[in-house]
Amino acid sequence: KSFPGLNLNGHYGTKGLTLSNLKVFDIILKKYPCYKWYTILEDDVIINKESMNKINQTTSHIDPSIQVIVIDDRGKVGTAGIIYRKDVIRKVIKHMHPLSKFSIENESKISGKTNLWDWKLWTFLDYFNINYQVIPILKNGQFKSTIDLK
């Protein structure tokens, strides 16, 4: 009931991924409100010192109109690494919540398909005309899920 219209289609971690992202945004606003940019990485992203330096360079030289930077090297497919400008976070929370009008309407449009955070975030960015840029910096680890379905 908390995810109306959601079809897991083999992706049993999608609820956890959505709730984890929403919780991180809440923590950001409550505990760390003084930054302009926030980087959120999925648990299987591959990160090292070189990629950290690239992330820091990216945020300091980005076009001021950009609100979201996708740093997943798969481009407009993955969300293993996303950098959010602070001023877009409340909008993400409002519309990416599983009970939001946006989520419910878009989940019903893709009935029978999986509604992952990835797909919904890309739809959100386009639907609300959020200025974003794709800068492929990070690789996704692509390891097998350890979620026990029994």
C-alpha atoms as a PDB file:
ATOM      1  CA  LYS A   1       0.000   0.000   0.000  1.00  0.00           C
ATOM      2  CA  SER A   2       2.901   2.352   0.600  1.00  0.00           C
ATOM      3  CA  PHE A   3       4.098   1.977  -3.022  1.00  0.00           C
ATOM      4  CA  PRO A   4       0.888   2.077  -5.123  1.00  0.00           C
ATOM      5  CA  GLY A   5       1.340   0.707  -8.635  1.00  0.00           C
ATOM      6  CA  LEU A   6       4.832  -0.648  -7.988  1.00  0.00           C
ATOM      7  CA  ASN A   7       5.740  -3.792  -9.893  1.00  0.00           C
ATOM      8  CA  LEU A   8       8.960  -5.257  -8.507  1.00  0.00           C
ATOM      9  CA  ASN A   9       9.573  -7.449 -11.558  1.00  0.00           C
ATOM     10  CA  GLY A  10      12.580  -9.125  -9.908  1.00  0.00           C
ATOM     11  CA  HIS A  11      14.003  -5.925  -8.377  1.00  0.00           C
ATOM     12  CA  TYR A  12      13.194  -6.541  -4.736  1.00  0.00           C
ATOM     13  CA  GLY A  13      15.528  -3.822  -3.466  1.00  0.00           C
ATOM     14  CA  THR A  14      13.721  -0.936  -5.150  1.00  0.00           C
ATOM     15  CA  LYS A  15      11.669  -0.067  -2.057  1.00  0.00           C
ATOM     16  CA  GLY A  16      14.801   0.023   0.075  1.00  0.00           C
ATOM     17  CA  LEU A  17      16.650   2.135  -2.470  1.00  0.00           C
ATOM     18  CA  THR A  18      13.815   4.655  -2.623  1.00  0.00           C
ATOM     19  CA  LEU A  19      13.450   4.852   1.154  1.00  0.00           C
ATOM     20  CA  SER A  20      17.238   5.102   1.630  1.00  0.00           C
ATOM     21  CA  ASN A  21      17.444   8.043  -0.769  1.00  0.00           C
ATOM     22  CA  LEU A  22      14.551   9.824   0.933  1.00  0.00           C
ATOM     23  CA  LYS A  23      16.128   9.250   4.362  1.00  0.00           C
ATOM     24  CA  VAL A  24      19.473  10.635   3.176  1.00  0.00           C
ATOM     25  CA  PHE A  25      17.757  13.775   1.880  1.00  0.00           C
ATOM     26  CA  ASP A  26      16.037  14.218   5.241  1.00  0.00           C
ATOM     27  CA  ILE A  27      19.375  13.839   7.084  1.00  0.00           C
ATOM     28  CA  ILE A  28      21.022  16.324   4.706  1.00  0.00           C
ATOM     29  CA  LEU A  29      18.432  19.008   5.401  1.00  0.00           C
ATOM     30  CA  LYS A  30      18.380  18.455   9.162  1.00  0.00           C
ATOM     31  CA  LYS A  31      22.019  17.785  10.009  1.00  0.00           C
ATOM     32  CA  TYR A  32      24.121  19.181   7.141  1.00  0.00           C
ATOM     33  CA  PRO A  33      22.307  22.221   5.744  1.00  0.00           C
ATOM     34  CA  CYS A  34      25.405  24.355   5.141  1.00  0.00           C
ATOM     35  CA  TYR A  35      26.678  22.797   1.908  1.00  0.00           C
ATOM     36  CA  LYS A  36      25.744  23.737  -1.645  1.00  0.00           C
ATOM     37  CA  TRP A  37      26.265  20.252  -3.178  1.00  0.00           C
ATOM     38  CA  TYR A  38      25.540  16.743  -1.858  1.00  0.00           C
ATOM     39  CA  THR A  39      26.872  13.549  -3.416  1.00  0.00           C
ATOM     40  CA  ILE A  40      24.850  10.365  -2.962  1.00  0.00           C
ATOM     41  CA  LEU A  41      26.416   7.063  -3.951  1.00  0.00           C
ATOM     42  CA  GLU A  42      24.795   3.670  -4.201  1.00  0.00           C
ATOM     43  CA  ASP A  43      26.379   0.839  -2.264  1.00  0.00           C
ATOM     44  CA  ASP A  44      28.032  -0.772  -5.289  1.00  0.00           C
ATOM     45  CA  VAL A  45      29.737   2.290  -6.745  1.00  0.00           C
ATOM     46  CA  ILE A  46      33.482   2.040  -7.269  1.00  0.00           C
ATOM     47  CA  ILE A  47      35.213   5.098  -5.852  1.00  0.00           C
ATOM     48  CA  ASN A  48      38.863   6.015  -5.345  1.00  0.00           C
ATOM     49  CA  LYS A  49      41.008   9.090  -4.756  1.00  0.00           C
ATOM     50  CA  GLU A  50      41.075  10.019  -8.451  1.00  0.00           C
ATOM     51  CA  SER A  51      37.292   9.902  -8.762  1.00  0.00           C
ATOM     52  CA  MET A  52      36.914  11.948  -5.559  1.00  0.00           C
ATOM     53  CA  ASN A  53      39.164  14.628  -7.055  1.00  0.00           C
ATOM     54  CA  LYS A  54      37.057  14.640 -10.249  1.00  0.00           C
ATOM     55  CA  ILE A  55      33.860  15.031  -8.205  1.00  0.00           C
ATOM     56  CA  ASN A  56      35.338  18.005  -6.310  1.00  0.00           C
ATOM     57  CA  GLN A  57      36.524  19.627  -9.556  1.00  0.00           C
ATOM     58  CA  THR A  58      33.124  19.081 -11.154  1.00  0.00           C
ATOM     59  CA  THR A  59      31.150  20.854  -8.447  1.00  0.00           C
ATOM     60  CA  SER A  60      33.522  23.811  -8.373  1.00  0.00           C
ATOM     61  CA  HIS A  61      33.414  24.381 -12.155  1.00  0.00           C
ATOM     62  CA  ILE A  62      29.813  23.522 -13.057  1.00  0.00           C
ATOM     63  CA  ASP A  63      27.421  25.854 -14.862  1.00  0.00           C
ATOM     64  CA  PRO A  64      25.450  27.693 -12.125  1.00  0.00           C
ATOM     65  CA  SER A  65      22.113  26.692 -13.694  1.00  0.00           C
ATOM     66  CA  ILE A  66      22.783  22.973 -13.151  1.00  0.00           C
ATOM     67  CA  GLN A  67      20.895  21.455 -10.203  1.00  0.00           C
ATOM     68  CA  VAL A  68      21.739  17.769 -10.594  1.00  0.00           C
ATOM     69  CA  ILE A  69      24.933  16.130 -11.855  1.00  0.00           C
ATOM     70  CA  VAL A  70      24.842  12.473 -12.810  1.00  0.00           C
ATOM     71  CA  ILE A  71      28.298  10.970 -12.302  1.00  0.00           C
ATOM     72  CA  ASP A  72      27.429   7.357 -13.130  1.00  0.00           C
ATOM     73  CA  ASP A  73      29.480   6.299 -16.155  1.00  0.00           C
ATOM     74  CA  ARG A  74      26.420   4.561 -17.647  1.00  0.00           C
ATOM     75  CA  GLY A  75      24.953   8.010 -18.302  1.00  0.00           C
ATOM     76  CA  LYS A  76      21.212   8.400 -18.514  1.00  0.00           C
ATOM     77  CA  VAL A  77      20.589   4.871 -17.337  1.00  0.00           C
ATOM     78  CA  GLY A  78      22.126   4.617 -13.893  1.00  0.00           C
ATOM     79  CA  THR A  79      22.052   6.504 -10.638  1.00  0.00           C
ATOM     80  CA  ALA A  80      25.024   4.933  -8.852  1.00  0.00           C
ATOM     81  CA  GLY A  81      26.365   8.445  -8.285  1.00  0.00           C
ATOM     82  CA  ILE A  82      24.317  11.642  -8.237  1.00  0.00           C
ATOM     83  CA  ILE A  83      25.273  15.113  -7.041  1.00  0.00           C
ATOM     84  CA  TYR A  84      22.334  17.272  -5.964  1.00  0.00           C
ATOM     85  CA  ARG A  85      22.431  21.030  -5.488  1.00  0.00           C
ATOM     86  CA  LYS A  86      20.803  21.909  -2.176  1.00  0.00           C
ATOM     87  CA  ASP A  87      17.986  23.947  -3.699  1.00  0.00           C
ATOM     88  CA  VAL A  88      16.540  20.940  -5.574  1.00  0.00           C
ATOM     89  CA  ILE A  89      16.423  18.494  -2.656  1.00  0.00           C
ATOM     90  CA  ARG A  90      13.011  19.488  -1.249  1.00  0.00           C
ATOM     91  CA  LYS A  91      11.505  19.094  -4.702  1.00  0.00           C
ATOM     92  CA  VAL A  92      13.074  15.633  -5.041  1.00  0.00           C
ATOM     93  CA  ILE A  93      11.672  14.605  -1.649  1.00  0.00           C
ATOM     94  CA  LYS A  94       8.200  15.885  -2.494  1.00  0.00           C
ATOM     95  CA  HIS A  95       7.849  14.302  -5.914  1.00  0.00           C
ATOM     96  CA  MET A  96       9.945  11.125  -5.598  1.00  0.00           C
ATOM     97  CA  HIS A  97       8.069   9.989  -2.488  1.00  0.00           C
ATOM     98  CA  PRO A  98       6.100   6.822  -3.359  1.00  0.00           C
ATOM     99  CA  LEU A  99       2.812   8.439  -2.281  1.00  0.00           C
ATOM    100  CA  SER A 100       3.291  11.640  -4.293  1.00  0.00           C
ATOM    101  CA  LYS A 101       0.987  12.409  -7.203  1.00  0.00           C
ATOM    102  CA  PHE A 102       3.982  12.274  -9.570  1.00  0.00           C
ATOM    103  CA  SER A 103       5.026   8.811  -8.364  1.00  0.00           C
ATOM    104  CA  ILE A 104       1.545   7.316  -8.424  1.00  0.00           C
ATOM    105  CA  GLU A 105       0.766   8.662 -11.900  1.00  0.00           C
ATOM    106  CA  ASN A 106       4.084   7.579 -13.383  1.00  0.00           C
ATOM    107  CA  GLU A 107       4.038   4.133 -11.799  1.00  0.00           C
ATOM    108  CA  SER A 108       0.617   3.461 -13.297  1.00  0.00           C
ATOM    109  CA  LYS A 109       1.920   4.497 -16.746  1.00  0.00           C
ATOM    110  CA  ILE A 110       4.532   1.754 -16.702  1.00  0.00           C
ATOM    111  CA  SER A 111       2.362  -0.990 -15.257  1.00  0.00           C
ATOM    112  CA  GLY A 112       4.092  -4.326 -15.729  1.00  0.00           C
ATOM    113  CA  LYS A 113       7.561  -2.778 -15.807  1.00  0.00           C
ATOM    114  CA  THR A 114       9.926  -2.232 -12.937  1.00  0.00           C
ATOM    115  CA  ASN A 115       9.825   1.189 -11.312  1.00  0.00           C
ATOM    116  CA  LEU A 116      13.345   1.647 -10.054  1.00  0.00           C
ATOM    117  CA  TRP A 117      14.706   4.858  -8.524  1.00  0.00           C
ATOM    118  CA  ASP A 118      16.807   5.215 -11.700  1.00  0.00           C
ATOM    119  CA  TRP A 119      13.844   5.316 -14.067  1.00  0.00           C
ATOM    120  CA  LYS A 120      11.786   7.549 -11.800  1.00  0.00           C
ATOM    121  CA  LEU A 121      14.623  10.026 -11.208  1.00  0.00           C
ATOM    122  CA  TRP A 122      15.203  10.455 -14.950  1.00  0.00           C
ATOM    123  CA  THR A 123      11.476  10.947 -15.481  1.00  0.00           C
ATOM    124  CA  PHE A 124      11.404  13.461 -12.601  1.00  0.00           C
ATOM    125  CA  LEU A 125      14.300  15.492 -14.049  1.00  0.00           C
ATOM    126  CA  ASP A 126      12.634  15.749 -17.452  1.00  0.00           C
ATOM    127  CA  TYR A 127       9.071  16.224 -16.176  1.00  0.00           C
ATOM    128  CA  PHE A 128       9.969  19.113 -13.835  1.00  0.00           C
ATOM    129  CA  ASN A 129      12.583  20.644 -16.188  1.00  0.00           C
ATOM    130  CA  ILE A 130      15.400  20.213 -13.695  1.00  0.00           C
ATOM    131  CA  ASN A 131      18.698  21.346 -15.197  1.00  0.00           C
ATOM    132  CA  TYR A 132      21.122  18.444 -15.071  1.00  0.00           C
ATOM    133  CA  GLN A 133      24.363  17.365 -16.625  1.00  0.00           C
ATOM    134  CA  VAL A 134      25.857  13.920 -17.137  1.00  0.00           C
ATOM    135  CA  ILE A 135      29.568  13.692 -16.340  1.00  0.00           C
ATOM    136  CA  PRO A 136      30.637  10.021 -16.333  1.00  0.00           C
ATOM    137  CA  ILE A 137      33.052   9.670 -13.414  1.00  0.00           C
ATOM    138  CA  LEU A 138      32.068   6.594 -11.398  1.00  0.00           C
ATOM    139  CA  LYS A 139      31.689   2.958 -12.309  1.00  0.00           C
ATOM    140  CA  ASN A 140      28.951   0.821 -10.872  1.00  0.00           C
ATOM    141  CA  GLY A 141      30.267  -2.325  -9.176  1.00  0.00           C
ATOM    142  CA  GLN A 142      27.458  -4.399 -10.663  1.00  0.00           C
ATOM    143  CA  PHE A 143      27.780  -7.073  -8.016  1.00  0.00           C
ATOM    144  CA  LYS A 144      25.117  -9.673  -7.459  1.00  0.00           C
ATOM    145  CA  SER A 145      22.471  -8.730  -4.906  1.00  0.00           C
ATOM    146  CA  THR A 146      22.726 -10.352  -1.501  1.00  0.00           C
ATOM    147  CA  ILE A 147      19.030  -9.916  -0.719  1.00  0.00           C
ATOM    148  CA  ASP A 148      17.625 -13.213   0.521  1.00  0.00           C
ATOM    149  CA  LEU A 149      14.219 -13.782  -1.039  1.00  0.00           C
ATOM    150  CA  LYS A 150      13.321 -16.691   1.255  1.00  0.00           C
END
